[in-house]
Protein backbone atom coordinates (compact mmCIF):
# COMPACT_ATOMS: atom_id res chain seq x y z
CA MET A 1 14.63 237.15 190.89
CA LYS A 2 17.99 237.14 188.45
CA SER A 3 18.69 234.21 188.75
CA ILE A 4 14.88 233.03 187.96
CA LEU A 5 14.80 235.58 185.04
CA THR A 6 17.95 234.33 183.62
CA ILE A 7 17.63 231.17 182.78
CA LEU A 8 13.94 231.47 181.98
CA PHE A 9 14.86 234.73 179.64
CA ILE A 10 14.33 233.51 176.39
CA CYS A 11 13.72 229.52 176.72
CA ILE A 12 14.10 229.24 172.43
CA SER A 13 14.49 225.29 171.83
CA PHE A 14 16.39 223.29 168.58
CA SER A 15 16.39 220.40 170.91
CA LEU A 16 12.84 219.92 171.43
CA PHE A 17 13.05 216.31 173.05
CA ALA A 18 15.01 215.79 175.80
CA GLN A 19 14.34 211.72 176.42
CA GLU A 20 12.80 209.31 173.75
CA ASP A 21 10.06 208.35 175.59
CA GLU A 22 7.08 206.35 173.67
CA LYS A 23 3.86 207.82 175.26
CA ILE A 24 5.26 211.01 173.03
CA TYR A 25 4.81 209.05 169.94
CA GLY A 26 1.06 207.83 170.81
CA SER A 27 0.26 211.24 172.21
CA ILE A 28 1.33 212.95 168.27
CA GLU A 29 -2.15 214.23 166.56
CA LEU A 30 -1.08 214.29 162.47
CA ASP A 31 -3.26 216.51 161.02
CA THR A 32 -5.62 215.05 157.54
CA LEU A 33 -2.63 217.01 155.35
CA THR A 34 -0.02 215.15 156.61
CA ILE A 35 -1.77 211.60 156.87
CA LEU A 36 -2.25 211.46 153.42
CA ALA A 37 1.00 212.70 152.63
CA SER A 38 2.11 209.32 155.34
CA ASN A 39 4.30 207.62 152.65
CA GLU A 40 6.91 209.94 153.07
CA PHE A 41 6.04 211.16 156.25
CA ASP A 42 7.56 208.90 159.89
CA VAL A 43 6.92 210.52 163.15
CA LYS A 44 9.81 209.25 164.99
CA THR A 45 11.87 209.65 162.07
CA PHE A 46 11.08 213.60 162.30
CA ILE A 47 11.14 213.70 165.68
CA GLN A 48 14.61 212.61 165.79
CA ARG A 49 15.48 214.48 162.99
CA ILE A 50 14.12 217.32 165.34
CA LYS A 51 16.42 216.14 168.56
CA ASP A 52 19.49 216.25 166.06
CA ASP A 53 18.52 219.81 164.82
CA THR A 54 21.61 222.50 164.86
CA THR A 55 19.90 225.23 163.18
CA PHE A 56 17.86 227.18 165.83
CA TYR A 57 21.00 227.47 167.89
CA GLN A 58 23.06 228.36 164.59
CA ALA A 59 20.49 230.72 163.87
CA PHE A 60 21.69 232.73 167.00
CA LYS A 61 25.33 232.12 166.94
CA ASN A 62 24.75 233.91 163.32
CA LEU A 63 23.52 236.64 165.67
CA ARG A 64 26.35 237.33 167.96
CA TYR A 65 29.07 236.66 164.63
CA TYR A 66 27.65 238.43 161.56
CA PRO A 67 27.93 242.03 160.99
CA HIS A 68 24.68 243.10 160.77
CA LYS A 69 22.03 246.57 161.95
CA ALA A 70 19.12 245.99 164.22
CA ILE A 71 16.81 248.26 165.49
CA GLY A 72 15.88 247.49 169.66
CA ASN A 73 12.62 248.06 170.86
CA LEU A 74 12.14 248.19 175.47
CA TRP A 75 9.19 249.55 177.08
CA VAL A 76 8.10 249.45 181.02
CA TYR A 77 5.20 249.72 182.43
CA ASN A 78 3.58 249.68 185.96
CA LYS A 79 1.13 248.05 187.53
CA ARG A 80 -2.02 249.66 185.71
CA GLU A 81 -0.01 248.86 182.82
CA LYS A 82 0.92 252.43 181.30
CA GLU A 83 4.47 253.32 179.88
CA LYS A 84 6.72 254.64 182.60
CA ALA A 85 10.16 253.93 180.43
CA SER A 86 10.94 253.01 176.96
CA GLU A 87 14.40 253.61 174.96
CA LYS A 88 14.30 253.23 171.32
CA VAL A 89 18.76 252.04 169.85
CA ASP A 90 19.68 251.74 166.33
CA VAL A 91 22.72 249.54 166.30
CA THR A 92 25.39 248.87 164.12
CA GLN A 93 27.39 245.01 164.74
CA HIS A 94 30.60 244.75 163.09
CA LEU A 95 33.44 242.30 162.68
CA LYS A 96 37.01 241.26 162.88
CA ASP A 97 39.42 238.59 163.32
CA ASN A 98 36.52 236.79 164.44
CA LYS A 99 35.48 238.89 167.48
CA MET A 100 32.49 240.77 167.33
CA TRP A 101 31.84 244.67 168.85
CA GLN A 102 28.24 246.87 167.99
CA ASN A 103 27.98 251.05 167.86
CA HIS A 104 25.18 252.21 169.89
CA LYS A 105 23.28 255.41 168.96
CA THR A 106 19.85 256.07 171.40
CA ILE A 107 17.13 256.94 169.29
CA SER A 108 14.78 258.30 172.01
CA ALA A 109 13.70 257.34 175.55
CA THR A 110 11.59 258.53 177.99
CA GLY A 111 11.45 258.04 181.88
CA LYS A 112 13.98 256.21 184.58
CA LEU A 113 15.19 252.63 182.77
CA ARG A 114 18.87 253.57 184.86
CA THR A 115 20.10 254.83 187.89
CA LYS A 116 22.55 258.36 188.31
CA LYS A 117 25.70 255.73 188.01
CA GLY A 118 24.25 253.90 184.68
CA GLU A 119 22.67 251.03 186.54
CA TYR A 120 19.61 249.26 185.07
CA ARG A 121 16.50 250.01 187.63
CA PHE A 122 15.36 246.17 185.96
CA THR A 123 16.01 243.28 185.70
CA THR A 124 14.58 242.29 182.46
CA ALA A 125 16.60 245.39 180.76
CA GLU A 126 19.97 244.54 182.23
CA MET A 127 19.52 241.00 180.37
CA TYR A 128 18.17 242.36 177.83
CA TYR A 129 21.17 245.19 176.90
CA ASN A 130 23.40 242.08 178.03
CA THR A 131 22.65 239.56 175.81
CA PHE A 132 21.83 241.37 172.20
CA PHE A 133 23.72 244.87 172.52
CA PRO A 134 27.01 244.31 174.81
CA VAL A 135 29.09 247.26 175.32
CA ASP A 136 32.04 244.77 175.26
CA THR A 137 34.00 243.45 172.45
CA ILE A 138 33.71 240.07 172.25
CA PRO A 139 35.30 237.08 170.84
CA VAL A 140 32.73 235.35 168.48
CA SER A 141 32.42 231.69 166.43
CA THR A 142 30.31 229.78 163.90
CA ASN A 143 31.21 226.63 165.06
CA MET A 144 28.40 224.26 166.93
CA THR A 145 29.00 222.29 169.95
CA LYS A 146 26.62 220.64 171.90
CA VAL A 147 25.34 222.35 174.79
CA LYS A 148 25.58 219.85 177.71
CA GLU A 149 29.04 219.03 176.63
CA GLU A 150 30.13 222.81 177.34
CA PRO A 151 32.34 223.21 180.17
CA VAL A 152 30.68 224.97 182.81
CA GLY A 153 32.83 227.41 185.10
CA ASN A 154 31.98 227.53 189.20
CA SER A 155 30.75 231.45 189.64
CA LYS A 156 26.90 230.88 189.35
CA LYS A 157 26.70 233.84 186.77
CA SER A 158 28.73 230.72 184.85
CA LYS A 159 25.83 228.50 185.97
CA TYR A 160 23.13 230.62 185.11
CA LYS A 161 24.38 231.01 181.41
CA HIS A 162 24.69 227.40 181.12
CA ASP A 163 21.40 226.92 182.07
CA ILE A 164 19.98 229.70 180.04
CA LYS A 165 21.51 227.65 177.17
CA LEU A 166 19.84 224.18 177.89
CA MET A 167 16.27 226.31 178.27
CA MET A 168 17.20 227.88 175.37
CA PHE A 169 18.32 225.21 173.37
CA ASN A 170 17.15 221.71 175.38
CA PRO A 171 14.12 222.56 177.10
CA GLY A 172 12.55 219.25 177.10
CA GLU A 173 14.84 218.73 180.12
CA ASP A 174 14.96 218.94 184.04
CA ILE A 175 16.35 222.40 184.81
CA SER A 176 17.74 222.22 187.76
CA GLY A 177 18.89 225.42 188.14
CA VAL A 178 15.16 226.69 187.97
CA PRO A 179 13.46 226.28 191.93
CA ILE A 180 10.44 224.63 192.11
CA VAL A 181 9.28 224.55 188.82
CA GLY A 182 12.59 223.54 187.03
CA LYS A 183 11.23 220.01 186.79
CA LYS A 184 7.71 221.07 185.49
CA MET A 185 9.59 222.64 182.09
CA SER A 186 10.01 218.48 180.99
CA ILE A 187 6.96 219.05 179.00
CA PHE A 188 8.12 216.17 177.16
CA ASP A 189 8.82 213.35 179.68
CA ASP A 190 6.08 210.90 180.48
CA ASP A 191 4.86 212.42 183.50
CA MET A 192 3.75 215.55 181.55
CA VAL A 193 2.97 214.85 178.47
CA GLN A 194 -0.95 213.76 179.73
CA TYR A 195 -0.92 217.29 180.83
CA TYR A 196 -0.37 218.69 176.46
CA ASP A 197 -1.71 218.01 173.14
CA TYR A 198 0.85 217.45 170.30
CA LYS A 199 -0.21 218.19 166.58
CA ILE A 200 2.03 217.96 163.58
CA SER A 201 0.35 219.37 161.31
CA LEU A 202 1.47 220.55 156.88
CA ILE A 203 1.48 224.67 156.19
CA ASN A 204 2.17 226.94 153.67
CA TYR A 205 3.89 229.90 155.36
CA ASN A 206 5.19 232.48 153.22
CA GLY A 207 5.17 230.14 150.36
CA ILE A 208 7.81 227.96 151.91
CA GLU A 209 5.86 224.36 152.49
CA CYS A 210 6.73 223.65 156.25
CA TYR A 211 5.72 221.30 159.28
CA GLN A 212 4.47 222.81 162.30
CA PHE A 213 4.87 220.92 165.36
CA SER A 214 2.54 222.55 168.29
CA CYS A 215 2.09 221.84 171.86
CA ILE A 216 -0.49 222.91 173.84
CA ALA A 217 -1.37 222.50 177.66
CA LYS A 218 -4.39 221.13 178.02
CA PRO A 219 -7.18 223.81 179.77
CA GLU A 220 -8.76 221.44 182.12
CA PHE A 221 -5.90 220.50 184.14
CA LYS A 222 -4.74 223.25 186.90
CA GLU A 223 -2.79 225.70 185.80
CA HIS A 224 -0.18 224.94 188.02
CA LYS A 225 0.04 221.47 186.82
CA THR A 226 2.48 223.36 183.81
CA VAL A 227 4.46 225.82 183.30
CA THR A 228 5.28 226.05 179.40
CA LYS A 229 1.34 227.10 177.80
CA THR A 230 2.02 226.67 174.69
CA LEU A 231 4.91 226.63 172.34
CA VAL A 232 4.73 226.20 168.20
CA THR A 233 7.55 225.68 165.71
CA VAL A 234 8.08 225.96 162.15
CA PHE A 235 10.02 224.07 160.44
CA ASN A 236 10.77 224.01 156.35
CA LYS A 237 9.97 220.60 155.20
CA GLU A 238 13.03 219.95 152.90
CA THR A 239 15.69 220.92 155.10
CA LEU A 240 13.96 220.83 158.72
CA ALA A 241 15.07 224.49 159.52
CA VAL A 242 13.45 226.40 162.24
CA LEU A 243 11.72 229.27 160.55
CA LYS A 244 9.59 230.25 163.84
CA ARG A 245 9.56 230.01 167.26
CA GLU A 246 6.91 231.01 169.48
CA TYR A 247 5.67 229.81 173.15
CA THR A 248 4.67 230.99 176.32
CA MET A 249 5.50 230.48 179.95
CA ARG A 250 3.33 231.35 183.00
CA TYR A 251 3.38 230.61 186.80
CA ASN A 252 1.29 231.81 189.99
CA SER A 253 2.56 230.27 193.49
CA ILE A 254 2.33 231.95 196.64
CA LEU A 255 6.56 232.78 196.40
CA PHE A 256 6.30 233.91 193.09
CA GLN A 257 4.24 234.73 189.50
CA PHE A 258 5.51 234.96 185.76
CA ASP A 259 3.53 235.38 182.57
CA VAL A 260 5.82 235.42 179.52
CA SER A 261 5.63 235.00 175.88
CA ILE A 262 8.66 235.14 172.93
CA ASN A 263 8.46 235.00 169.48
CA VAL A 264 11.38 234.70 166.87
CA ILE A 265 10.97 234.60 163.25
CA ASN A 266 14.33 233.40 161.51
CA GLU A 267 15.10 233.64 157.44
CA VAL A 268 17.69 231.54 155.70
CA LYS A 269 19.88 233.99 153.20
CA ASN A 270 22.49 232.37 151.33
CA GLY A 271 22.29 229.22 153.13
CA ILE A 272 22.96 231.19 156.20
CA ILE A 273 19.73 231.14 158.91
CA HIS A 274 19.67 233.68 161.39
CA PRO A 275 17.55 235.74 163.41
CA GLN A 276 15.11 238.73 161.51
CA LEU A 277 12.65 239.53 164.31
CA ILE A 278 12.81 238.50 168.40
CA LYS A 279 9.43 239.92 170.46
CA TYR A 280 9.55 239.63 174.24
CA LYS A 281 6.99 240.10 176.72
CA GLY A 282 6.79 239.71 180.82
CA TYR A 283 5.52 239.73 183.21
CA TRP A 284 7.19 239.19 186.85
CA ASP A 285 6.41 239.12 189.92
CA ILE A 286 9.06 238.11 192.33
CA PRO A 287 9.14 238.92 196.80
CA PHE A 288 11.64 241.49 197.54
CA LYS A 289 12.38 242.43 193.95
CA ARG A 290 10.76 245.09 191.99
CA GLN A 291 7.43 244.06 189.78
CA GLU A 292 7.96 244.14 185.79
CA THR A 293 6.15 243.90 182.71
CA ILE A 294 8.46 245.13 180.08
CA THR A 295 8.20 244.26 176.23
CA PHE A 296 10.69 244.21 173.70
CA THR A 297 11.22 243.89 169.95
CA ILE A 298 14.50 243.38 168.05
CA LYS A 299 14.22 244.34 164.02
CA ASN A 300 17.77 242.94 162.86
CA SER A 301 18.54 243.88 158.96
CA ASP A 302 21.22 243.99 156.30
CA TYR A 303 23.18 241.28 157.72
CA LYS A 304 26.58 240.50 155.79
CA LEU A 305 27.12 237.15 155.81
CA ILE A 306 30.92 236.74 155.18
CA ASP A 307 33.07 233.74 155.14
């Protein structure tokens, strides 16, 4: 379970299109407002700008870098969807000499989230704390790199981490590290386009004029044909910075089942983009592993956007 969950854990993207397939252009629906603005809008240009985007990846690099405060809430549920464990933490992040560390304070805790040895009983909980609330001092940087070009170690853990980044920031690709479902994640490939409805809309989001790109699995096809069921991204119309991204993934087979929903809201202040809210809800049922239903929310605030 850990390898599958590790790779699928966040799955939040900045480069939506792994390759430029002509089929995708003919499959995108433009709403009325976008069509009316067609004199300043071109689908191919829009897609290319999305492919070249670094704002979502930058937001998460900034989350690791800039000092800020965070409140994290995690809940674990049993098979009857009743709460069996929970924990709320208050976190303050610090930065000095390009190294980040955090102070953690447990506000409340219920149930048995850890063993007597302090190890996490649930894989999702372990990934949650290791990803967002590490206990070690970590070297950090806001410098951008291309995920594909980043070095990959020989260990399984290094490969899993690299696959995480590919899924987070290049989800239109076939991720070979995800058994069985990897190819079905290439949602913009010619073979997968038939299973989705794609749409670009012009919307008002929190008083900001934005483009909304949506990719929704068509209900007429069998469930196992797709893994990503919805992918919705809101881009600032002027800068194309990703202000919001939400999606759901679901798969059901004899070998394993999962149903995951993720929602991320970004904020731009002083020209610096950073995550304001991260929400996760996930169900996992993997053979020989503990069944897990876990939700968490992370609210970030009081960023010190220093040089």
